[in-house]
């Protein structure tokens, strides 16, 4: 995570955006007392939205929790991939 203020951000905006886009870093721009902006890459945003969608349904949340529990308890199977 990178934290800066608005003045420093303005001075080197390209460098900050490159760090967010290339290194998938989160950028926080402080704008004063208890005020700020968070900048994330489009890929990170899309990932957060997909996770939010998956967890928006209580049934989906239960399925994911059950799958995680099975994995943690070693109750899994493996299959070989079929290659053409």
PDB file of N, CA and C in Angstrom:
ATOM      1  N   UNK A   1       0.842  -1.162   0.000  1.00  0.00           N
ATOM      2  CA  UNK A   1       0.000   0.000   0.000  1.00  0.00           C
ATOM      3  C   UNK A   1       0.896   1.236   0.000  1.00  0.00           C
ATOM      4  N   UNK A   2       0.523   2.196  -0.813  1.00  0.00           N
ATOM      5  CA  UNK A   2       1.262   3.444  -0.920  1.00  0.00           C
ATOM      6  C   UNK A   2       0.347   4.564  -0.419  1.00  0.00           C
ATOM      7  N   UNK A   3       0.895   5.424   0.417  1.00  0.00           N
ATOM      8  CA  UNK A   3       0.128   6.546   0.940  1.00  0.00           C
ATOM      9  C   UNK A   3       0.828   7.839   0.548  1.00  0.00           C
ATOM     10  N   UNK A   4       0.073   8.796   0.060  1.00  0.00           N
ATOM     11  CA  UNK A   4       0.626  10.088  -0.313  1.00  0.00           C
ATOM     12  C   UNK A   4      -0.398  11.180  -0.023  1.00  0.00           C
ATOM     13  N   UNK A   5       0.014  12.404  -0.213  1.00  0.00           N
ATOM     14  CA  UNK A   5      -0.939  13.509  -0.110  1.00  0.00           C
ATOM     15  C   UNK A   5      -1.213  14.046  -1.506  1.00  0.00           C
ATOM     16  N   UNK A   6      -2.178  14.897  -1.617  1.00  0.00           N
ATOM     17  CA  UNK A   6      -2.621  15.378  -2.933  1.00  0.00           C
ATOM     18  C   UNK A   6      -1.522  16.162  -3.653  1.00  0.00           C
ATOM     19  N   UNK A   7      -0.720  16.918  -2.916  1.00  0.00           N
ATOM     20  CA  UNK A   7       0.344  17.710  -3.547  1.00  0.00           C
ATOM     21  C   UNK A   7       1.398  16.811  -4.182  1.00  0.00           C
ATOM     22  N   UNK A   8       1.869  15.811  -3.423  1.00  0.00           N
ATOM     23  CA  UNK A   8       2.869  14.890  -3.972  1.00  0.00           C
ATOM     24  C   UNK A   8       2.289  14.065  -5.115  1.00  0.00           C
ATOM     25  N   UNK A   9       1.020  13.709  -5.001  1.00  0.00           N
ATOM     26  CA  UNK A   9       0.367  12.949  -6.069  1.00  0.00           C
ATOM     27  C   UNK A   9       0.356  13.745  -7.371  1.00  0.00           C
ATOM     28  N   UNK A  10       0.016  15.010  -7.282  1.00  0.00           N
ATOM     29  CA  UNK A  10      -0.011  15.859  -8.483  1.00  0.00           C
ATOM     30  C   UNK A  10       1.360  15.955  -9.137  1.00  0.00           C
ATOM     31  N   UNK A  11       2.411  16.020  -8.325  1.00  0.00           N
ATOM     32  CA  UNK A  11       3.767  16.179  -8.847  1.00  0.00           C
ATOM     33  C   UNK A  11       4.227  14.959  -9.649  1.00  0.00           C
ATOM     34  N   UNK A  12       3.745  13.784  -9.280  1.00  0.00           N
ATOM     35  CA  UNK A  12       4.258  12.554  -9.897  1.00  0.00           C
ATOM     36  C   UNK A  12       3.127  11.569 -10.202  1.00  0.00           C
ATOM     37  N   UNK A  13       2.067  12.048 -10.797  1.00  0.00           N
ATOM     38  CA  UNK A  13       0.858  11.245 -11.023  1.00  0.00           C
ATOM     39  C   UNK A  13       1.144   9.996 -11.859  1.00  0.00           C
ATOM     40  N   UNK A  14       1.960  10.126 -12.896  1.00  0.00           N
ATOM     41  CA  UNK A  14       2.243   8.972 -13.750  1.00  0.00           C
ATOM     42  C   UNK A  14       2.929   7.856 -12.973  1.00  0.00           C
ATOM     43  N   UNK A  15       3.903   8.203 -12.160  1.00  0.00           N
ATOM     44  CA  UNK A  15       4.608   7.200 -11.364  1.00  0.00           C
ATOM     45  C   UNK A  15       3.660   6.480 -10.408  1.00  0.00           C
ATOM     46  N   UNK A  16       2.781   7.227  -9.772  1.00  0.00           N
ATOM     47  CA  UNK A  16       1.814   6.613  -8.863  1.00  0.00           C
ATOM     48  C   UNK A  16       0.874   5.670  -9.615  1.00  0.00           C
ATOM     49  N   UNK A  17       0.366   6.119 -10.757  1.00  0.00           N
ATOM     50  CA  UNK A  17      -0.533   5.266 -11.540  1.00  0.00           C
ATOM     51  C   UNK A  17       0.183   4.022 -12.050  1.00  0.00           C
ATOM     52  N   UNK A  18       1.458   4.154 -12.432  1.00  0.00           N
ATOM     53  CA  UNK A  18       2.224   2.992 -12.871  1.00  0.00           C
ATOM     54  C   UNK A  18       2.355   1.971 -11.743  1.00  0.00           C
ATOM     55  N   UNK A  19       2.615   2.438 -10.527  1.00  0.00           N
ATOM     56  CA  UNK A  19       2.740   1.524  -9.391  1.00  0.00           C
ATOM     57  C   UNK A  19       1.434   0.779  -9.143  1.00  0.00           C
ATOM     58  N   UNK A  20       0.326   1.471  -9.300  1.00  0.00           N
ATOM     59  CA  UNK A  20      -0.980   0.836  -9.098  1.00  0.00           C
ATOM     60  C   UNK A  20      -1.253  -0.180 -10.209  1.00  0.00           C
ATOM     61  N   UNK A  21      -1.022   0.228 -11.451  1.00  0.00           N
ATOM     62  CA  UNK A  21      -1.354  -0.626 -12.596  1.00  0.00           C
ATOM     63  C   UNK A  21      -0.391  -1.798 -12.764  1.00  0.00           C
ATOM     64  N   UNK A  22       0.888  -1.555 -12.608  1.00  0.00           N
ATOM     65  CA  UNK A  22       1.894  -2.589 -12.881  1.00  0.00           C
ATOM     66  C   UNK A  22       2.127  -3.497 -11.675  1.00  0.00           C
ATOM     67  N   UNK A  23       2.201  -2.913 -10.495  1.00  0.00           N
ATOM     68  CA  UNK A  23       2.532  -3.675  -9.288  1.00  0.00           C
ATOM     69  C   UNK A  23       1.316  -4.063  -8.457  1.00  0.00           C
ATOM     70  N   UNK A  24       0.125  -3.706  -8.927  1.00  0.00           N
ATOM     71  CA  UNK A  24      -1.133  -3.999  -8.211  1.00  0.00           C
ATOM     72  C   UNK A  24      -1.099  -3.464  -6.776  1.00  0.00           C
ATOM     73  N   UNK A  25      -0.468  -2.314  -6.599  1.00  0.00           N
ATOM     74  CA  UNK A  25      -0.447  -1.685  -5.284  1.00  0.00           C
ATOM     75  C   UNK A  25      -1.706  -0.846  -5.104  1.00  0.00           C
ATOM     76  N   UNK A  26      -2.122  -0.687  -3.876  1.00  0.00           N
ATOM     77  CA  UNK A  26      -3.234   0.180  -3.540  1.00  0.00           C
ATOM     78  C   UNK A  26      -2.649   1.537  -3.164  1.00  0.00           C
ATOM     79  N   UNK A  27      -3.237   2.595  -3.707  1.00  0.00           N
ATOM     80  CA  UNK A  27      -2.778   3.950  -3.442  1.00  0.00           C
ATOM     81  C   UNK A  27      -3.828   4.677  -2.625  1.00  0.00           C
ATOM     82  N   UNK A  28      -3.403   5.263  -1.516  1.00  0.00           N
ATOM     83  CA  UNK A  28      -4.296   6.088  -0.710  1.00  0.00           C
ATOM     84  C   UNK A  28      -3.793   7.518  -0.785  1.00  0.00           C
ATOM     85  N   UNK A  29      -4.683   8.417  -1.197  1.00  0.00           N
ATOM     86  CA  UNK A  29      -4.346   9.834  -1.287  1.00  0.00           C
ATOM     87  C   UNK A  29      -5.083  10.549  -0.165  1.00  0.00           C
ATOM     88  N   UNK A  30      -4.311  11.031   0.812  1.00  0.00           N
ATOM     89  CA  UNK A  30      -4.913  11.762   1.918  1.00  0.00           C
ATOM     90  C   UNK A  30      -5.324  13.159   1.452  1.00  0.00           C
ATOM     91  N   UNK A  31      -6.524  13.566   1.855  1.00  0.00           N
ATOM     92  CA  UNK A  31      -7.031  14.873   1.459  1.00  0.00           C
ATOM     93  C   UNK A  31      -7.374  15.738   2.668  1.00  0.00           C
ATOM     94  N   UNK A  32      -6.832  15.400   3.792  1.00  0.00           N
ATOM     95  CA  UNK A  32      -7.131  16.169   4.997  1.00  0.00           C
ATOM     96  C   UNK A  32      -7.664  15.255   6.072  1.00  0.00           C
ATOM     97  N   UNK A  33      -8.152  15.851   7.116  1.00  0.00           N
ATOM     98  CA  UNK A  33      -8.631  15.095   8.271  1.00  0.00           C
ATOM     99  C   UNK A  33      -9.764  14.150   7.877  1.00  0.00           C
ATOM    100  N   UNK A  34      -9.537  12.858   8.101  1.00  0.00           N
ATOM    101  CA  UNK A  34     -10.544  11.822   7.860  1.00  0.00           C
ATOM    102  C   UNK A  34     -11.112  11.834   6.441  1.00  0.00           C
ATOM    103  N   UNK A  35     -10.318  12.269   5.478  1.00  0.00           N
ATOM    104  CA  UNK A  35     -10.778  12.297   4.091  1.00  0.00           C
ATOM    105  C   UNK A  35      -9.678  11.738   3.202  1.00  0.00           C
ATOM    106  N   UNK A  36     -10.057  10.897   2.280  1.00  0.00           N
ATOM    107  CA  UNK A  36      -9.061  10.336   1.391  1.00  0.00           C
ATOM    108  C   UNK A  36      -9.691   9.636   0.206  1.00  0.00           C
ATOM    109  N   UNK A  37      -8.850   9.278  -0.722  1.00  0.00           N
ATOM    110  CA  UNK A  37      -9.249   8.588  -1.941  1.00  0.00           C
ATOM    111  C   UNK A  37      -8.408   7.321  -2.053  1.00  0.00           C
ATOM    112  N   UNK A  38      -9.038   6.227  -2.469  1.00  0.00           N
ATOM    113  CA  UNK A  38      -8.318   4.980  -2.698  1.00  0.00           C
ATOM    114  C   UNK A  38      -8.302   4.707  -4.195  1.00  0.00           C
ATOM    115  N   UNK A  39      -7.116   4.403  -4.729  1.00  0.00           N
ATOM    116  CA  UNK A  39      -6.964   4.088  -6.148  1.00  0.00           C
ATOM    117  C   UNK A  39      -6.465   2.651  -6.239  1.00  0.00           C
ATOM    118  N   UNK A  40      -7.170   1.825  -7.027  1.00  0.00           N
ATOM    119  CA  UNK A  40      -6.762   0.445  -7.259  1.00  0.00           C
ATOM    120  C   UNK A  40      -6.802   0.177  -8.756  1.00  0.00           C
ATOM    121  N   UNK A  41      -6.142  -0.883  -9.174  1.00  0.00           N
ATOM    122  CA  UNK A  41      -6.143  -1.238 -10.590  1.00  0.00           C
ATOM    123  C   UNK A  41      -7.515  -1.769 -11.003  1.00  0.00           C
ATOM    124  N   UNK A  42      -7.779  -1.746 -12.284  1.00  0.00           N
ATOM    125  CA  UNK A  42      -9.043  -2.268 -12.807  1.00  0.00           C
ATOM    126  C   UNK A  42      -9.177  -3.756 -12.500  1.00  0.00           C
ATOM    127  N   UNK A  43      -8.077  -4.509 -12.606  1.00  0.00           N
ATOM    128  CA  UNK A  43      -8.119  -5.942 -12.300  1.00  0.00           C
ATOM    129  C   UNK A  43      -8.506  -6.189 -10.845  1.00  0.00           C
ATOM    130  N   UNK A  44      -7.939  -5.390  -9.938  1.00  0.00           N
ATOM    131  CA  UNK A  44      -8.260  -5.532  -8.517  1.00  0.00           C
ATOM    132  C   UNK A  44      -9.725  -5.177  -8.262  1.00  0.00           C
ATOM    133  N   UNK A  45     -10.198  -4.116  -8.909  1.00  0.00           N
ATOM    134  CA  UNK A  45     -11.597  -3.717  -8.768  1.00  0.00           C
ATOM    135  C   UNK A  45     -12.520  -4.839  -9.248  1.00  0.00           C
ATOM    136  N   UNK A  46     -12.224  -5.391 -10.424  1.00  0.00           N
ATOM    137  CA  UNK A  46     -13.053  -6.476 -10.967  1.00  0.00           C
ATOM    138  C   UNK A  46     -13.057  -7.687 -10.046  1.00  0.00           C
ATOM    139  N   UNK A  47     -11.910  -7.993  -9.452  1.00  0.00           N
ATOM    140  CA  UNK A  47     -11.824  -9.103  -8.512  1.00  0.00           C
ATOM    141  C   UNK A  47     -12.688  -8.848  -7.277  1.00  0.00           C
ATOM    142  N   UNK A  48     -12.637  -7.648  -6.756  1.00  0.00           N
ATOM    143  CA  UNK A  48     -13.465  -7.288  -5.593  1.00  0.00           C
ATOM    144  C   UNK A  48     -14.953  -7.386  -5.918  1.00  0.00           C
ATOM    145  N   UNK A  49     -15.334  -6.942  -7.117  1.00  0.00           N
ATOM    146  CA  UNK A  49     -16.744  -7.000  -7.512  1.00  0.00           C
ATOM    147  C   UNK A  49     -17.206  -8.452  -7.683  1.00  0.00           C
ATOM    148  N   UNK A  50     -16.333  -9.305  -8.228  1.00  0.00           N
ATOM    149  CA  UNK A  50     -16.682 -10.718  -8.385  1.00  0.00           C
ATOM    150  C   UNK A  50     -16.857 -11.377  -7.019  1.00  0.00           C
ATOM    151  N   UNK A  51     -15.949 -11.073  -6.094  1.00  0.00           N
ATOM    152  CA  UNK A  51     -16.064 -11.614  -4.739  1.00  0.00           C
ATOM    153  C   UNK A  51     -17.334 -11.120  -4.066  1.00  0.00           C
ATOM    154  N   UNK A  52     -17.620  -9.846  -4.224  1.00  0.00           N
ATOM    155  CA  UNK A  52     -18.840  -9.280  -3.647  1.00  0.00           C
ATOM    156  C   UNK A  52     -20.080  -9.973  -4.203  1.00  0.00           C
ATOM    157  N   UNK A  53     -20.084 -10.237  -5.501  1.00  0.00           N
ATOM    158  CA  UNK A  53     -21.214 -10.917  -6.123  1.00  0.00           C
ATOM    159  C   UNK A  53     -21.356 -12.338  -5.575  1.00  0.00           C
ATOM    160  N   UNK A  54     -20.241 -13.048  -5.485  1.00  0.00           N
ATOM    161  CA  UNK A  54     -20.283 -14.434  -4.998  1.00  0.00           C
ATOM    162  C   UNK A  54     -20.783 -14.517  -3.566  1.00  0.00           C
ATOM    163  N   UNK A  55     -20.458 -13.517  -2.762  1.00  0.00           N
ATOM    164  CA  UNK A  55     -20.860 -13.539  -1.355  1.00  0.00           C
ATOM    165  C   UNK A  55     -22.189 -12.831  -1.102  1.00  0.00           C
ATOM    166  N   UNK A  56     -22.812 -12.300  -2.157  1.00  0.00           N
ATOM    167  CA  UNK A  56     -24.067 -11.559  -1.979  1.00  0.00           C
ATOM    168  C   UNK A  56     -25.250 -12.480  -1.691  1.00  0.00           C
ATOM    169  N   UNK A  57     -25.134 -13.732  -2.055  1.00  0.00           N
ATOM    170  CA  UNK A  57     -26.180 -14.710  -1.795  1.00  0.00           C
ATOM    171  C   UNK A  57     -25.769 -15.573  -0.612  1.00  0.00           C
ATOM    172  N   UNK A  58     -26.654 -15.730   0.338  1.00  0.00           N
ATOM    173  CA  UNK A  58     -26.350 -16.557   1.512  1.00  0.00           C
ATOM    174  C   UNK A  58     -26.076 -18.004   1.100  1.00  0.00           C
ATOM    175  N   UNK A  59     -26.786 -18.497   0.076  1.00  0.00           N
ATOM    176  CA  UNK A  59     -26.569 -19.863  -0.386  1.00  0.00           C
ATOM    177  C   UNK A  59     -25.165 -20.010  -0.995  1.00  0.00           C
ATOM    178  N   UNK A  60     -24.746 -19.048  -1.806  1.00  0.00           N
ATOM    179  CA  UNK A  60     -23.390 -19.097  -2.374  1.00  0.00           C
ATOM    180  C   UNK A  60     -22.341 -19.038  -1.274  1.00  0.00           C
ATOM    181  N   UNK A  61     -22.580 -18.210  -0.273  1.00  0.00           N
ATOM    182  CA  UNK A  61     -21.636 -18.088   0.833  1.00  0.00           C
ATOM    183  C   UNK A  61     -21.489 -19.420   1.567  1.00  0.00           C
ATOM    184  N   UNK A  62     -22.608 -20.107   1.792  1.00  0.00           N
ATOM    185  CA  UNK A  62     -22.559 -21.415   2.457  1.00  0.00           C
ATOM    186  C   UNK A  62     -21.808 -22.441   1.623  1.00  0.00           C
ATOM    187  N   UNK A  63     -22.038 -22.435   0.294  1.00  0.00           N
ATOM    188  CA  UNK A  63     -21.331 -23.370  -0.590  1.00  0.00           C
ATOM    189  C   UNK A  63     -19.825 -23.136  -0.551  1.00  0.00           C
ATOM    190  N   UNK A  64     -19.423 -21.875  -0.597  1.00  0.00           N
ATOM    191  CA  UNK A  64     -18.000 -21.555  -0.548  1.00  0.00           C
ATOM    192  C   UNK A  64     -17.393 -21.966   0.793  1.00  0.00           C
ATOM    193  N   UNK A  65     -18.107 -21.702   1.880  1.00  0.00           N
ATOM    194  CA  UNK A  65     -17.619 -22.100   3.204  1.00  0.00           C
ATOM    195  C   UNK A  65     -17.476 -23.621   3.299  1.00  0.00           C
ATOM    196  N   UNK A  66     -18.449 -24.352   2.757  1.00  0.00           N
ATOM    197  CA  UNK A  66     -18.390 -25.820   2.785  1.00  0.00           C
ATOM    198  C   UNK A  66     -17.203 -26.333   1.973  1.00  0.00           C
ATOM    199  N   UNK A  67     -16.968 -25.721   0.819  1.00  0.00           N
ATOM    200  CA  UNK A  67     -15.847 -26.134  -0.020  1.00  0.00           C
ATOM    201  C   UNK A  67     -14.514 -25.860   0.679  1.00  0.00           C
ATOM    202  N   UNK A  68     -14.408 -24.736   1.361  1.00  0.00           N
ATOM    203  CA  UNK A  68     -13.181 -24.404   2.097  1.00  0.00           C
ATOM    204  C   UNK A  68     -12.970 -25.394   3.234  1.00  0.00           C
ATOM    205  N   UNK A  69     -14.033 -25.721   3.947  1.00  0.00           N
ATOM    206  CA  UNK A  69     -13.931 -26.702   5.034  1.00  0.00           C
ATOM    207  C   UNK A  69     -13.477 -28.064   4.518  1.00  0.00           C
ATOM    208  N   UNK A  70     -14.041 -28.521   3.392  1.00  0.00           N
ATOM    209  CA  UNK A  70     -13.632 -29.799   2.802  1.00  0.00           C
ATOM    210  C   UNK A  70     -12.149 -29.777   2.448  1.00  0.00           C
ATOM    211  N   UNK A  71     -11.709 -28.682   1.863  1.00  0.00           N
ATOM    212  CA  UNK A  71     -10.301 -28.566   1.476  1.00  0.00           C
ATOM    213  C   UNK A  71      -9.395 -28.599   2.699  1.00  0.00           C
ATOM    214  N   UNK A  72      -9.754 -27.846   3.726  1.00  0.00           N
ATOM    215  CA  UNK A  72      -8.934 -27.804   4.945  1.00  0.00           C
ATOM    216  C   UNK A  72      -8.865 -29.158   5.636  1.00  0.00           C
ATOM    217  N   UNK A  73      -9.931 -29.939   5.553  1.00  0.00           N
ATOM    218  CA  UNK A  73      -9.976 -31.248   6.199  1.00  0.00           C
ATOM    219  C   UNK A  73      -9.412 -32.363   5.326  1.00  0.00           C
ATOM    220  N   UNK A  74      -8.924 -32.026   4.150  1.00  0.00           N
ATOM    221  CA  UNK A  74      -8.339 -33.022   3.259  1.00  0.00           C
ATOM    222  C   UNK A  74      -9.367 -33.889   2.566  1.00  0.00           C
ATOM    223  N   UNK A  75     -10.599 -33.478   2.574  1.00  0.00           N
ATOM    224  CA  UNK A  75     -11.683 -34.236   1.958  1.00  0.00           C
ATOM    225  C   UNK A  75     -11.852 -33.783   0.502  1.00  0.00           C
ATOM    226  N   UNK A  76     -10.820 -34.020  -0.288  1.00  0.00           N
ATOM    227  CA  UNK A  76     -10.833 -33.587  -1.685  1.00  0.00           C
ATOM    228  C   UNK A  76     -10.468 -34.750  -2.601  1.00  0.00           C
ATOM    229  N   UNK A  77     -10.727 -34.589  -3.856  1.00  0.00           N
ATOM    230  CA  UNK A  77     -10.305 -35.563  -4.860  1.00  0.00           C
ATOM    231  C   UNK A  77      -9.522 -34.817  -5.929  1.00  0.00           C
ATOM    232  N   UNK A  78      -8.672 -35.542  -6.625  1.00  0.00           N
ATOM    233  CA  UNK A  78      -7.952 -34.934  -7.737  1.00  0.00           C
ATOM    234  C   UNK A  78      -8.167 -35.762  -8.978  1.00  0.00           C
ATOM    235  N   UNK A  79      -8.187 -35.073 -10.101  1.00  0.00           N
ATOM    236  CA  UNK A  79      -8.381 -35.734 -11.392  1.00  0.00           C
ATOM    237  C   UNK A  79      -7.340 -35.202 -12.357  1.00  0.00           C
ATOM    238  N   UNK A  80      -6.925 -36.063 -13.254  1.00  0.00           N
ATOM    239  CA  UNK A  80      -5.988 -35.632 -14.293  1.00  0.00           C
ATOM    240  C   UNK A  80      -6.759 -34.900 -15.377  1.00  0.00           C
ATOM    241  N   UNK A  81      -6.102 -33.915 -15.947  1.00  0.00           N
ATOM    242  CA  UNK A  81      -6.702 -33.192 -17.056  1.00  0.00           C
ATOM    243  C   UNK A  81      -6.642 -34.023 -18.327  1.00  0.00           C
ATOM    244  N   UNK A  82      -7.653 -33.897 -19.135  1.00  0.00           N
ATOM    245  CA  UNK A  82      -7.698 -34.605 -20.404  1.00  0.00           C
ATOM    246  C   UNK A  82      -7.054 -33.690 -21.446  1.00  0.00           C
ATOM    247  N   UNK A  83      -6.033 -34.190 -22.087  1.00  0.00           N
ATOM    248  CA  UNK A  83      -5.348 -33.397 -23.105  1.00  0.00           C
ATOM    249  C   UNK A  83      -5.729 -33.935 -24.477  1.00  0.00           C
ATOM    250  N   UNK A  84      -6.020 -33.013 -25.390  1.00  0.00           N
ATOM    251  CA  UNK A  84      -6.384 -33.423 -26.752  1.00  0.00           C
ATOM    252  C   UNK A  84      -5.161 -33.633 -27.586  1.00  0.00           C
TER     253      UNK A  84
END
